[in-house]
Amino acid sequence: MAALRRGEVLGIAVDQNMRPSRGVFVDFFGTPACTTPAAAVYALRAGAPLIAAFPTRSKNRTHVVKVCGPFETSERGHRAVIDLTQKVTRAVEQAVRDHPDHWFWVHRRWKTRPPE
């Protein structure tokens, strides 16, 4: 929190499976995925912008970083956390669609299932 309040950058991987006690369910490629709310929570608490950054390799062996956001919400409380987490997850989806060869998941992203 202190780093964000000082205007520094904090990176959080949001494409990992979470236990239900630590995550929130948002849609990821049409399936509920238990996702860390940390990026949204920290951004809301610190008043920091929430962005997503995706580096991709170019044919000339350089890298280009696509930045999406800042993501905003008009919701409050837990609904704001869910809304922002869904928005950043949609950005991850689009990055994977744009460059599927850049993504390598070795874990079960949809392992945690929502309660029925």
PDB file of N, CA and C in Angstrom:
ATOM      1  N   MET A   1       0.820  -1.193   0.000  1.00  0.00           N
ATOM      2  CA  MET A   1       0.000   0.000   0.000  1.00  0.00           C
ATOM      3  C   MET A   1       0.867   1.262   0.000  1.00  0.00           C
ATOM      4  N   ALA A   2       1.918   1.228   0.777  1.00  0.00           N
ATOM      5  CA  ALA A   2       2.788   2.406   0.854  1.00  0.00           C
ATOM      6  C   ALA A   2       3.396   2.707  -0.510  1.00  0.00           C
ATOM      7  N   ALA A   3       3.818   1.670  -1.219  1.00  0.00           N
ATOM      8  CA  ALA A   3       4.407   1.874  -2.541  1.00  0.00           C
ATOM      9  C   ALA A   3       3.395   2.510  -3.493  1.00  0.00           C
ATOM     10  N   LEU A   4       2.175   2.025  -3.483  1.00  0.00           N
ATOM     11  CA  LEU A   4       1.147   2.600  -4.359  1.00  0.00           C
ATOM     12  C   LEU A   4       0.861   4.044  -3.989  1.00  0.00           C
ATOM     13  N   ARG A   5       0.793   4.314  -2.701  1.00  0.00           N
ATOM     14  CA  ARG A   5       0.520   5.689  -2.258  1.00  0.00           C
ATOM     15  C   ARG A   5       1.658   6.639  -2.623  1.00  0.00           C
ATOM     16  N   ARG A   6       2.865   6.092  -2.784  1.00  0.00           N
ATOM     17  CA  ARG A   6       4.002   6.916  -3.214  1.00  0.00           C
ATOM     18  C   ARG A   6       4.038   7.059  -4.736  1.00  0.00           C
ATOM     19  N   GLY A   7       3.088   6.445  -5.429  1.00  0.00           N
ATOM     20  CA  GLY A   7       3.044   6.534  -6.885  1.00  0.00           C
ATOM     21  C   GLY A   7       3.900   5.488  -7.579  1.00  0.00           C
ATOM     22  N   GLU A   8       4.349   4.490  -6.844  1.00  0.00           N
ATOM     23  CA  GLU A   8       5.140   3.425  -7.434  1.00  0.00           C
ATOM     24  C   GLU A   8       4.227   2.383  -8.076  1.00  0.00           C
ATOM     25  N   VAL A   9       4.829   1.450  -8.796  1.00  0.00           N
ATOM     26  CA  VAL A   9       4.089   0.421  -9.524  1.00  0.00           C
ATOM     27  C   VAL A   9       4.127  -0.882  -8.750  1.00  0.00           C
ATOM     28  N   LEU A  10       3.016  -1.576  -8.732  1.00  0.00           N
ATOM     29  CA  LEU A  10       2.913  -2.893  -8.113  1.00  0.00           C
ATOM     30  C   LEU A  10       2.334  -3.842  -9.152  1.00  0.00           C
ATOM     31  N   GLY A  11       3.025  -4.930  -9.426  1.00  0.00           N
ATOM     32  CA  GLY A  11       2.552  -5.915 -10.394  1.00  0.00           C
ATOM     33  C   GLY A  11       1.919  -7.096  -9.684  1.00  0.00           C
ATOM     34  N   ILE A  12       0.767  -7.532 -10.180  1.00  0.00           N
ATOM     35  CA  ILE A  12       0.052  -8.669  -9.605  1.00  0.00           C
ATOM     36  C   ILE A  12      -0.403  -9.574 -10.748  1.00  0.00           C
ATOM     37  N   ALA A  13      -0.054 -10.853 -10.677  1.00  0.00           N
ATOM     38  CA  ALA A  13      -0.533 -11.822 -11.667  1.00  0.00           C
ATOM     39  C   ALA A  13      -1.986 -12.155 -11.347  1.00  0.00           C
ATOM     40  N   VAL A  14      -2.879 -11.867 -12.281  1.00  0.00           N
ATOM     41  CA  VAL A  14      -4.303 -12.074 -12.024  1.00  0.00           C
ATOM     42  C   VAL A  14      -4.869 -13.286 -12.759  1.00  0.00           C
ATOM     43  N   ASP A  15      -4.010 -14.070 -13.406  1.00  0.00           N
ATOM     44  CA  ASP A  15      -4.506 -15.208 -14.185  1.00  0.00           C
ATOM     45  C   ASP A  15      -4.212 -16.543 -13.508  1.00  0.00           C
ATOM     46  N   GLN A  16      -4.159 -16.542 -12.190  1.00  0.00           N
ATOM     47  CA  GLN A  16      -3.888 -17.761 -11.430  1.00  0.00           C
ATOM     48  C   GLN A  16      -5.139 -18.211 -10.679  1.00  0.00           C
ATOM     49  N   ASN A  17      -5.311 -19.521 -10.542  1.00  0.00           N
ATOM     50  CA  ASN A  17      -6.425 -20.055  -9.767  1.00  0.00           C
ATOM     51  C   ASN A  17      -6.238 -19.698  -8.293  1.00  0.00           C
ATOM     52  N   MET A  18      -7.333 -19.386  -7.624  1.00  0.00           N
ATOM     53  CA  MET A  18      -7.303 -19.063  -6.195  1.00  0.00           C
ATOM     54  C   MET A  18      -8.231 -20.006  -5.439  1.00  0.00           C
ATOM     55  N   ARG A  19      -7.958 -20.172  -4.157  1.00  0.00           N
ATOM     56  CA  ARG A  19      -8.908 -20.881  -3.285  1.00  0.00           C
ATOM     57  C   ARG A  19     -10.109 -19.971  -3.091  1.00  0.00           C
ATOM     58  N   PRO A  20     -11.291 -20.541  -2.859  1.00  0.00           N
ATOM     59  CA  PRO A  20     -12.488 -19.708  -2.691  1.00  0.00           C
ATOM     60  C   PRO A  20     -12.361 -18.681  -1.565  1.00  0.00           C
ATOM     61  N   SER A  21     -11.626 -19.000  -0.528  1.00  0.00           N
ATOM     62  CA  SER A  21     -11.474 -18.072   0.591  1.00  0.00           C
ATOM     63  C   SER A  21     -10.598 -16.869   0.235  1.00  0.00           C
ATOM     64  N   ARG A  22      -9.861 -16.957  -0.856  1.00  0.00           N
ATOM     65  CA  ARG A  22      -8.946 -15.886  -1.229  1.00  0.00           C
ATOM     66  C   ARG A  22      -9.292 -15.218  -2.545  1.00  0.00           C
ATOM     67  N   GLY A  23     -10.279 -15.747  -3.270  1.00  0.00           N
ATOM     68  CA  GLY A  23     -10.581 -15.218  -4.591  1.00  0.00           C
ATOM     69  C   GLY A  23     -12.037 -14.843  -4.755  1.00  0.00           C
ATOM     70  N   VAL A  24     -12.332 -14.285  -5.908  1.00  0.00           N
ATOM     71  CA  VAL A  24     -13.697 -13.975  -6.321  1.00  0.00           C
ATOM     72  C   VAL A  24     -13.912 -14.626  -7.681  1.00  0.00           C
ATOM     73  N   PHE A  25     -15.141 -15.016  -7.958  1.00  0.00           N
ATOM     74  CA  PHE A  25     -15.438 -15.643  -9.241  1.00  0.00           C
ATOM     75  C   PHE A  25     -15.831 -14.588 -10.263  1.00  0.00           C
ATOM     76  N   VAL A  26     -15.092 -14.585 -11.376  1.00  0.00           N
ATOM     77  CA  VAL A  26     -15.425 -13.743 -12.517  1.00  0.00           C
ATOM     78  C   VAL A  26     -15.362 -14.622 -13.760  1.00  0.00           C
ATOM     79  N   ASP A  27     -15.964 -14.148 -14.818  1.00  0.00           N
ATOM     80  CA  ASP A  27     -15.981 -14.899 -16.073  1.00  0.00           C
ATOM     81  C   ASP A  27     -14.621 -14.809 -16.744  1.00  0.00           C
ATOM     82  N   PHE A  28     -14.099 -15.957 -17.158  1.00  0.00           N
ATOM     83  CA  PHE A  28     -12.835 -16.009 -17.889  1.00  0.00           C
ATOM     84  C   PHE A  28     -13.008 -17.000 -19.019  1.00  0.00           C
ATOM     85  N   PHE A  29     -13.085 -16.501 -20.244  1.00  0.00           N
ATOM     86  CA  PHE A  29     -13.358 -17.317 -21.423  1.00  0.00           C
ATOM     87  C   PHE A  29     -14.647 -18.123 -21.262  1.00  0.00           C
ATOM     88  N   GLY A  30     -15.673 -17.487 -20.711  1.00  0.00           N
ATOM     89  CA  GLY A  30     -16.987 -18.109 -20.615  1.00  0.00           C
ATOM     90  C   GLY A  30     -17.191 -19.055 -19.444  1.00  0.00           C
ATOM     91  N   THR A  31     -16.220 -19.153 -18.565  1.00  0.00           N
ATOM     92  CA  THR A  31     -16.316 -20.066 -17.427  1.00  0.00           C
ATOM     93  C   THR A  31     -15.932 -19.315 -16.158  1.00  0.00           C
ATOM     94  N   PRO A  32     -16.692 -19.499 -15.067  1.00  0.00           N
ATOM     95  CA  PRO A  32     -16.314 -18.837 -13.814  1.00  0.00           C
ATOM     96  C   PRO A  32     -14.923 -19.289 -13.356  1.00  0.00           C
ATOM     97  N   ALA A  33     -14.090 -18.321 -13.030  1.00  0.00           N
ATOM     98  CA  ALA A  33     -12.730 -18.603 -12.586  1.00  0.00           C
ATOM     99  C   ALA A  33     -12.487 -17.873 -11.267  1.00  0.00           C
ATOM    100  N   CYS A  34     -12.005 -18.588 -10.276  1.00  0.00           N
ATOM    101  CA  CYS A  34     -11.705 -17.991  -8.982  1.00  0.00           C
ATOM    102  C   CYS A  34     -10.408 -17.194  -9.136  1.00  0.00           C
ATOM    103  N   THR A  35     -10.516 -15.884  -9.011  1.00  0.00           N
ATOM    104  CA  THR A  35      -9.461 -14.942  -9.387  1.00  0.00           C
ATOM    105  C   THR A  35      -9.091 -14.065  -8.205  1.00  0.00           C
ATOM    106  N   THR A  36      -7.820 -13.725  -8.104  1.00  0.00           N
ATOM    107  CA  THR A  36      -7.396 -12.829  -7.028  1.00  0.00           C
ATOM    108  C   THR A  36      -8.044 -11.452  -7.182  1.00  0.00           C
ATOM    109  N   PRO A  37      -8.595 -10.925  -6.107  1.00  0.00           N
ATOM    110  CA  PRO A  37      -9.118  -9.563  -6.149  1.00  0.00           C
ATOM    111  C   PRO A  37      -8.070  -8.532  -5.746  1.00  0.00           C
ATOM    112  N   ALA A  38      -6.840  -8.983  -5.512  1.00  0.00           N
ATOM    113  CA  ALA A  38      -5.816  -8.109  -4.934  1.00  0.00           C
ATOM    114  C   ALA A  38      -5.589  -6.827  -5.733  1.00  0.00           C
ATOM    115  N   ALA A  39      -5.497  -6.923  -7.048  1.00  0.00           N
ATOM    116  CA  ALA A  39      -5.240  -5.726  -7.850  1.00  0.00           C
ATOM    117  C   ALA A  39      -6.335  -4.684  -7.637  1.00  0.00           C
ATOM    118  N   ALA A  40      -7.579  -5.134  -7.657  1.00  0.00           N
ATOM    119  CA  ALA A  40      -8.710  -4.212  -7.458  1.00  0.00           C
ATOM    120  C   ALA A  40      -8.717  -3.656  -6.039  1.00  0.00           C
ATOM    121  N   VAL A  41      -8.502  -4.510  -5.065  1.00  0.00           N
ATOM    122  CA  VAL A  41      -8.527  -4.076  -3.656  1.00  0.00           C
ATOM    123  C   VAL A  41      -7.445  -3.033  -3.407  1.00  0.00           C
ATOM    124  N   TYR A  42      -6.221  -3.314  -3.852  1.00  0.00           N
ATOM    125  CA  TYR A  42      -5.132  -2.366  -3.629  1.00  0.00           C
ATOM    126  C   TYR A  42      -5.390  -1.047  -4.349  1.00  0.00           C
ATOM    127  N   ALA A  43      -5.855  -1.119  -5.588  1.00  0.00           N
ATOM    128  CA  ALA A  43      -6.126   0.112  -6.341  1.00  0.00           C
ATOM    129  C   ALA A  43      -7.188   0.955  -5.639  1.00  0.00           C
ATOM    130  N   LEU A  44      -8.261   0.310  -5.186  1.00  0.00           N
ATOM    131  CA  LEU A  44      -9.331   1.042  -4.509  1.00  0.00           C
ATOM    132  C   LEU A  44      -8.856   1.642  -3.189  1.00  0.00           C
ATOM    133  N   ARG A  45      -8.139   0.866  -2.413  1.00  0.00           N
ATOM    134  CA  ARG A  45      -7.672   1.353  -1.100  1.00  0.00           C
ATOM    135  C   ARG A  45      -6.653   2.476  -1.233  1.00  0.00           C
ATOM    136  N   ALA A  46      -5.770   2.373  -2.214  1.00  0.00           N
ATOM    137  CA  ALA A  46      -4.706   3.364  -2.371  1.00  0.00           C
ATOM    138  C   ALA A  46      -5.124   4.545  -3.239  1.00  0.00           C
ATOM    139  N   GLY A  47      -6.270   4.421  -3.918  1.00  0.00           N
ATOM    140  CA  GLY A  47      -6.657   5.463  -4.864  1.00  0.00           C
ATOM    141  C   GLY A  47      -5.735   5.489  -6.070  1.00  0.00           C
ATOM    142  N   ALA A  48      -5.171   4.316  -6.390  1.00  0.00           N
ATOM    143  CA  ALA A  48      -4.221   4.197  -7.499  1.00  0.00           C
ATOM    144  C   ALA A  48      -4.940   3.729  -8.758  1.00  0.00           C
ATOM    145  N   PRO A  49      -4.458   4.121  -9.920  1.00  0.00           N
ATOM    146  CA  PRO A  49      -5.071   3.613 -11.153  1.00  0.00           C
ATOM    147  C   PRO A  49      -4.784   2.124 -11.317  1.00  0.00           C
ATOM    148  N   LEU A  50      -5.756   1.405 -11.853  1.00  0.00           N
ATOM    149  CA  LEU A  50      -5.602  -0.018 -12.138  1.00  0.00           C
ATOM    150  C   LEU A  50      -5.444  -0.167 -13.638  1.00  0.00           C
ATOM    151  N   ILE A  51      -4.284  -0.673 -14.043  1.00  0.00           N
ATOM    152  CA  ILE A  51      -4.010  -0.893 -15.455  1.00  0.00           C
ATOM    153  C   ILE A  51      -3.543  -2.326 -15.646  1.00  0.00           C
ATOM    154  N   ALA A  52      -3.511  -2.759 -16.885  1.00  0.00           N
ATOM    155  CA  ALA A  52      -2.962  -4.071 -17.227  1.00  0.00           C
ATOM    156  C   ALA A  52      -1.911  -3.852 -18.305  1.00  0.00           C
ATOM    157  N   ALA A  53      -0.808  -4.583 -18.204  1.00  0.00           N
ATOM    158  CA  ALA A  53       0.274  -4.447 -19.181  1.00  0.00           C
ATOM    159  C   ALA A  53       0.645  -5.817 -19.719  1.00  0.00           C
ATOM    160  N   PHE A  54       0.797  -5.897 -21.043  1.00  0.00           N
ATOM    161  CA  PHE A  54       1.078  -7.158 -21.715  1.00  0.00           C
ATOM    162  C   PHE A  54       2.242  -6.993 -22.684  1.00  0.00           C
ATOM    163  N   PRO A  55       3.415  -7.504 -22.323  1.00  0.00           N
ATOM    164  CA  PRO A  55       4.547  -7.442 -23.258  1.00  0.00           C
ATOM    165  C   PRO A  55       4.427  -8.538 -24.312  1.00  0.00           C
ATOM    166  N   THR A  56       4.731  -8.194 -25.545  1.00  0.00           N
ATOM    167  CA  THR A  56       4.732  -9.185 -26.627  1.00  0.00           C
ATOM    168  C   THR A  56       6.008  -9.031 -27.447  1.00  0.00           C
ATOM    169  N   ARG A  57       6.489 -10.162 -27.945  1.00  0.00           N
ATOM    170  CA  ARG A  57       7.680 -10.166 -28.791  1.00  0.00           C
ATOM    171  C   ARG A  57       7.295  -9.753 -30.213  1.00  0.00           C
ATOM    172  N   SER A  58       8.140  -8.952 -30.800  1.00  0.00           N
ATOM    173  CA  SER A  58       7.956  -8.570 -32.194  1.00  0.00           C
ATOM    174  C   SER A  58       8.860  -9.436 -33.066  1.00  0.00           C
ATOM    175  N   LYS A  59       8.577  -9.447 -34.350  1.00  0.00           N
ATOM    176  CA  LYS A  59       9.387 -10.244 -35.278  1.00  0.00           C
ATOM    177  C   LYS A  59      10.845  -9.783 -35.311  1.00  0.00           C
ATOM    178  N   ASN A  60      11.084  -8.521 -35.008  1.00  0.00           N
ATOM    179  CA  ASN A  60      12.456  -8.005 -35.028  1.00  0.00           C
ATOM    180  C   ASN A  60      13.172  -8.206 -33.690  1.00  0.00           C
ATOM    181  N   ARG A  61      12.616  -9.061 -32.829  1.00  0.00           N
ATOM    182  CA  ARG A  61      13.212  -9.444 -31.545  1.00  0.00           C
ATOM    183  C   ARG A  61      13.163  -8.352 -30.492  1.00  0.00           C
ATOM    184  N   THR A  62      12.339  -7.352 -30.698  1.00  0.00           N
ATOM    185  CA  THR A  62      12.103  -6.351 -29.664  1.00  0.00           C
ATOM    186  C   THR A  62      10.783  -6.695 -28.984  1.00  0.00           C
ATOM    187  N   HIS A  63      10.440  -5.941 -27.984  1.00  0.00           N
ATOM    188  CA  HIS A  63       9.185  -6.157 -27.281  1.00  0.00           C
ATOM    189  C   HIS A  63       8.340  -4.892 -27.327  1.00  0.00           C
ATOM    190  N   VAL A  64       7.052  -5.090 -27.399  1.00  0.00           N
ATOM    191  CA  VAL A  64       6.087  -4.005 -27.340  1.00  0.00           C
ATOM    192  C   VAL A  64       5.191  -4.285 -26.140  1.00  0.00           C
ATOM    193  N   VAL A  65       4.956  -3.275 -25.331  1.00  0.00           N
ATOM    194  CA  VAL A  65       4.092  -3.447 -24.169  1.00  0.00           C
ATOM    195  C   VAL A  65       2.782  -2.719 -24.435  1.00  0.00           C
ATOM    196  N   LYS A  66       1.684  -3.474 -24.418  1.00  0.00           N
ATOM    197  CA  LYS A  66       0.347  -2.891 -24.570  1.00  0.00           C
ATOM    198  C   LYS A  66      -0.197  -2.627 -23.165  1.00  0.00           C
ATOM    199  N   VAL A  67      -0.633  -1.414 -22.931  1.00  0.00           N
ATOM    200  CA  VAL A  67      -1.192  -1.037 -21.644  1.00  0.00           C
ATOM    201  C   VAL A  67      -2.681  -0.786 -21.831  1.00  0.00           C
ATOM    202  N   CYS A  68      -3.480  -1.405 -20.986  1.00  0.00           N
ATOM    203  CA  CYS A  68      -4.937  -1.242 -21.019  1.00  0.00           C
ATOM    204  C   CYS A  68      -5.381  -0.563 -19.730  1.00  0.00           C
ATOM    205  N   GLY A  69      -6.407   0.254 -19.838  1.00  0.00           N
ATOM    206  CA  GLY A  69      -6.919   0.939 -18.660  1.00  0.00           C
ATOM    207  C   GLY A  69      -6.565   2.412 -18.735  1.00  0.00           C
ATOM    208  N   PRO A  70      -6.724   3.102 -17.647  1.00  0.00           N
ATOM    209  CA  PRO A  70      -7.076   2.578 -16.340  1.00  0.00           C
ATOM    210  C   PRO A  70      -8.530   2.101 -16.288  1.00  0.00           C
ATOM    211  N   PHE A  71      -8.726   1.049 -15.508  1.00  0.00           N
ATOM    212  CA  PHE A  71     -10.059   0.496 -15.323  1.00  0.00           C
ATOM    213  C   PHE A  71     -10.735   1.239 -14.185  1.00  0.00           C
ATOM    214  N   GLU A  72     -11.982   1.582 -14.403  1.00  0.00           N
ATOM    215  CA  GLU A  72     -12.736   2.338 -13.402  1.00  0.00           C
ATOM    216  C   GLU A  72     -14.074   1.671 -13.167  1.00  0.00           C
ATOM    217  N   THR A  73     -14.689   2.008 -12.051  1.00  0.00           N
ATOM    218  CA  THR A  73     -15.999   1.468 -11.715  1.00  0.00           C
ATOM    219  C   THR A  73     -16.820   2.522 -10.994  1.00  0.00           C
ATOM    220  N   SER A  74     -18.110   2.446 -11.177  1.00  0.00           N
ATOM    221  CA  SER A  74     -19.012   3.314 -10.414  1.00  0.00           C
ATOM    222  C   SER A  74     -19.580   2.569  -9.215  1.00  0.00           C
ATOM    223  N   GLU A  75     -19.239   1.298  -9.105  1.00  0.00           N
ATOM    224  CA  GLU A  75     -19.710   0.474  -7.984  1.00  0.00           C
ATOM    225  C   GLU A  75     -18.960   0.843  -6.708  1.00  0.00           C
ATOM    226  N   ARG A  76     -19.478   0.363  -5.600  1.00  0.00           N
ATOM    227  CA  ARG A  76     -18.855   0.606  -4.292  1.00  0.00           C
ATOM    228  C   ARG A  76     -18.683  -0.717  -3.564  1.00  0.00           C
ATOM    229  N   GLY A  77     -17.741  -0.744  -2.634  1.00  0.00           N
ATOM    230  CA  GLY A  77     -17.550  -1.910  -1.780  1.00  0.00           C
ATOM    231  C   GLY A  77     -17.152  -3.157  -2.558  1.00  0.00           C
ATOM    232  N   HIS A  78     -17.727  -4.296  -2.140  1.00  0.00           N
ATOM    233  CA  HIS A  78     -17.389  -5.579  -2.754  1.00  0.00           C
ATOM    234  C   HIS A  78     -17.768  -5.609  -4.239  1.00  0.00           C
ATOM    235  N   ARG A  79     -18.832  -4.938  -4.605  1.00  0.00           N
ATOM    236  CA  ARG A  79     -19.232  -4.896  -6.018  1.00  0.00           C
ATOM    237  C   ARG A  79     -18.185  -4.184  -6.872  1.00  0.00           C
ATOM    238  N   ALA A  80     -17.523  -3.195  -6.306  1.00  0.00           N
ATOM    239  CA  ALA A  80     -16.451  -2.507  -7.033  1.00  0.00           C
ATOM    240  C   ALA A  80     -15.281  -3.456  -7.266  1.00  0.00           C
ATOM    241  N   VAL A  81     -14.971  -4.252  -6.259  1.00  0.00           N
ATOM    242  CA  VAL A  81     -13.883  -5.227  -6.383  1.00  0.00           C
ATOM    243  C   VAL A  81     -14.196  -6.229  -7.486  1.00  0.00           C
ATOM    244  N   ILE A  82     -15.425  -6.750  -7.484  1.00  0.00           N
ATOM    245  CA  ILE A  82     -15.825  -7.717  -8.518  1.00  0.00           C
ATOM    246  C   ILE A  82     -15.777  -7.068  -9.897  1.00  0.00           C
ATOM    247  N   ASP A  83     -16.314  -5.874 -10.017  1.00  0.00           N
ATOM    248  CA  ASP A  83     -16.365  -5.184 -11.310  1.00  0.00           C
ATOM    249  C   ASP A  83     -14.954  -4.940 -11.857  1.00  0.00           C
ATOM    250  N   LEU A  84     -14.062  -4.436 -11.041  1.00  0.00           N
ATOM    251  CA  LEU A  84     -12.696  -4.173 -11.505  1.00  0.00           C
ATOM    252  C   LEU A  84     -11.950  -5.467 -11.820  1.00  0.00           C
ATOM    253  N   THR A  85     -12.161  -6.494 -11.003  1.00  0.00           N
ATOM    254  CA  THR A  85     -11.511  -7.777 -11.268  1.00  0.00           C
ATOM    255  C   THR A  85     -12.003  -8.351 -12.590  1.00  0.00           C
ATOM    256  N   GLN A  86     -13.298  -8.213 -12.878  1.00  0.00           N
ATOM    257  CA  GLN A  86     -13.820  -8.685 -14.156  1.00  0.00           C
ATOM    258  C   GLN A  86     -13.228  -7.894 -15.316  1.00  0.00           C
ATOM    259  N   LYS A  87     -13.094  -6.596 -15.158  1.00  0.00           N
ATOM    260  CA  LYS A  87     -12.556  -5.765 -16.242  1.00  0.00           C
ATOM    261  C   LYS A  87     -11.102  -6.107 -16.545  1.00  0.00           C
ATOM    262  N   VAL A  88     -10.291  -6.295 -15.527  1.00  0.00           N
ATOM    263  CA  VAL A  88      -8.890  -6.629 -15.777  1.00  0.00           C
ATOM    264  C   VAL A  88      -8.778  -8.050 -16.342  1.00  0.00           C
ATOM    265  N   THR A  89      -9.683  -8.943 -15.931  1.00  0.00           N
ATOM    266  CA  THR A  89      -9.698 -10.300 -16.473  1.00  0.00           C
ATOM    267  C   THR A  89     -10.090 -10.288 -17.946  1.00  0.00           C
ATOM    268  N   ARG A  90     -11.006  -9.428 -18.328  1.00  0.00           N
ATOM    269  CA  ARG A  90     -11.360  -9.287 -19.750  1.00  0.00           C
ATOM    270  C   ARG A  90     -10.151  -8.816 -20.562  1.00  0.00           C
ATOM    271  N   ALA A  91      -9.345  -7.952 -19.971  1.00  0.00           N
ATOM    272  CA  ALA A  91      -8.129  -7.506 -20.666  1.00  0.00           C
ATOM    273  C   ALA A  91      -7.165  -8.672 -20.861  1.00  0.00           C
ATOM    274  N   VAL A  92      -7.045  -9.548 -19.864  1.00  0.00           N
ATOM    275  CA  VAL A  92      -6.202 -10.735 -20.006  1.00  0.00           C
ATOM    276  C   VAL A  92      -6.742 -11.616 -21.125  1.00  0.00           C
ATOM    277  N   GLU A  93      -8.051 -11.834 -21.147  1.00  0.00           N
ATOM    278  CA  GLU A  93      -8.672 -12.621 -22.225  1.00  0.00           C
ATOM    279  C   GLU A  93      -8.283 -12.063 -23.591  1.00  0.00           C
ATOM    280  N   GLN A  94      -8.400 -10.759 -23.744  1.00  0.00           N
ATOM    281  CA  GLN A  94      -8.100 -10.150 -25.042  1.00  0.00           C
ATOM    282  C   GLN A  94      -6.628 -10.304 -25.397  1.00  0.00           C
ATOM    283  N   ALA A  95      -5.762 -10.179 -24.416  1.00  0.00           N
ATOM    284  CA  ALA A  95      -4.327 -10.355 -24.669  1.00  0.00           C
ATOM    285  C   ALA A  95      -4.036 -11.785 -25.110  1.00  0.00           C
ATOM    286  N   VAL A  96      -4.708 -12.744 -24.508  1.00  0.00           N
ATOM    287  CA  VAL A  96      -4.516 -14.143 -24.897  1.00  0.00           C
ATOM    288  C   VAL A  96      -5.056 -14.367 -26.308  1.00  0.00           C
ATOM    289  N   ARG A  97      -6.191 -13.787 -26.627  1.00  0.00           N
ATOM    290  CA  ARG A  97      -6.735 -13.912 -27.983  1.00  0.00           C
ATOM    291  C   ARG A  97      -5.798 -13.278 -29.015  1.00  0.00           C
ATOM    292  N   ASP A  98      -5.230 -12.137 -28.657  1.00  0.00           N
ATOM    293  CA  ASP A  98      -4.344 -11.427 -29.584  1.00  0.00           C
ATOM    294  C   ASP A  98      -3.033 -12.175 -29.817  1.00  0.00           C
ATOM    295  N   HIS A  99      -2.513 -12.827 -28.772  1.00  0.00           N
ATOM    296  CA  HIS A  99      -1.208 -13.493 -28.851  1.00  0.00           C
ATOM    297  C   HIS A  99      -1.236 -14.813 -28.074  1.00  0.00           C
ATOM    298  N   PRO A 100      -1.994 -15.797 -28.537  1.00  0.00           N
ATOM    299  CA  PRO A 100      -2.076 -17.060 -27.787  1.00  0.00           C
ATOM    300  C   PRO A 100      -0.729 -17.763 -27.651  1.00  0.00           C
ATOM    301  N   ASP A 101       0.178 -17.498 -28.562  1.00  0.00           N
ATOM    302  CA  ASP A 101       1.498 -18.121 -28.482  1.00  0.00           C
ATOM    303  C   ASP A 101       2.346 -17.568 -27.338  1.00  0.00           C
ATOM    304  N   HIS A 102       1.911 -16.490 -26.717  1.00  0.00           N
ATOM    305  CA  HIS A 102       2.650 -15.897 -25.602  1.00  0.00           C
ATOM    306  C   HIS A 102       2.194 -16.416 -24.244  1.00  0.00           C
ATOM    307  N   TRP A 103       1.165 -17.238 -24.222  1.00  0.00           N
ATOM    308  CA  TRP A 103       0.592 -17.686 -22.947  1.00  0.00           C
ATOM    309  C   TRP A 103       0.840 -19.162 -22.757  1.00  0.00           C
ATOM    310  N   PHE A 104       1.343 -19.504 -21.590  1.00  0.00           N
ATOM    311  CA  PHE A 104       1.653 -20.885 -21.254  1.00  0.00           C
ATOM    312  C   PHE A 104       1.205 -21.127 -19.820  1.00  0.00           C
ATOM    313  N   TRP A 105       0.063 -21.762 -19.686  1.00  0.00           N
ATOM    314  CA  TRP A 105      -0.462 -22.055 -18.353  1.00  0.00           C
ATOM    315  C   TRP A 105      -0.174 -23.504 -18.021  1.00  0.00           C
ATOM    316  N   VAL A 106       0.529 -23.731 -16.952  1.00  0.00           N
ATOM    317  CA  VAL A 106       0.844 -25.099 -16.534  1.00  0.00           C
ATOM    318  C   VAL A 106       0.009 -25.499 -15.325  1.00  0.00           C
ATOM    319  N   HIS A 107      -0.892 -24.649 -14.915  1.00  0.00           N
ATOM    320  CA  HIS A 107      -1.757 -24.981 -13.787  1.00  0.00           C
ATOM    321  C   HIS A 107      -3.202 -25.062 -14.270  1.00  0.00           C
ATOM    322  N   ARG A 108      -4.060 -25.599 -13.431  1.00  0.00           N
ATOM    323  CA  ARG A 108      -5.478 -25.720 -13.779  1.00  0.00           C
ATOM    324  C   ARG A 108      -6.185 -24.415 -13.405  1.00  0.00           C
ATOM    325  N   ARG A 109      -6.335 -23.528 -14.353  1.00  0.00           N
ATOM    326  CA  ARG A 109      -6.912 -22.197 -14.110  1.00  0.00           C
ATOM    327  C   ARG A 109      -8.326 -22.272 -13.571  1.00  0.00           C
ATOM    328  N   TRP A 110      -9.095 -23.254 -13.965  1.00  0.00           N
ATOM    329  CA  TRP A 110     -10.491 -23.370 -13.535  1.00  0.00           C
ATOM    330  C   TRP A 110     -10.667 -24.479 -12.504  1.00  0.00           C
ATOM    331  N   LYS A 111      -9.603 -24.794 -11.765  1.00  0.00           N
ATOM    332  CA  LYS A 111      -9.658 -25.872 -10.780  1.00  0.00           C
ATOM    333  C   LYS A 111     -10.728 -25.601  -9.715  1.00  0.00           C
ATOM    334  N   THR A 112     -10.738 -24.416  -9.166  1.00  0.00           N
ATOM    335  CA  THR A 112     -11.714 -24.056  -8.132  1.00  0.00           C
ATOM    336  C   THR A 112     -13.051 -23.758  -8.793  1.00  0.00           C
ATOM    337  N   ARG A 113     -14.059 -24.476  -8.379  1.00  0.00           N
ATOM    338  CA  ARG A 113     -15.394 -24.311  -8.955  1.00  0.00           C
ATOM    339  C   ARG A 113     -16.283 -23.533  -7.997  1.00  0.00           C
ATOM    340  N   PRO A 114     -17.198 -22.731  -8.552  1.00  0.00           N
ATOM    341  CA  PRO A 114     -18.109 -21.980  -7.663  1.00  0.00           C
ATOM    342  C   PRO A 114     -19.086 -22.935  -6.968  1.00  0.00           C
ATOM    343  N   PRO A 115     -19.550 -22.553  -5.801  1.00  0.00           N
ATOM    344  CA  PRO A 115     -20.552 -23.377  -5.121  1.00  0.00           C
ATOM    345  C   PRO A 115     -21.834 -23.431  -5.959  1.00  0.00           C
ATOM    346  N   GLU A 116     -22.463 -24.573  -5.940  1.00  0.00           N
ATOM    347  CA  GLU A 116     -23.700 -24.704  -6.743  1.00  0.00           C
ATOM    348  C   GLU A 116     -24.915 -24.194  -6.011  1.00  0.00           C
TER     349      GLU A 116
END
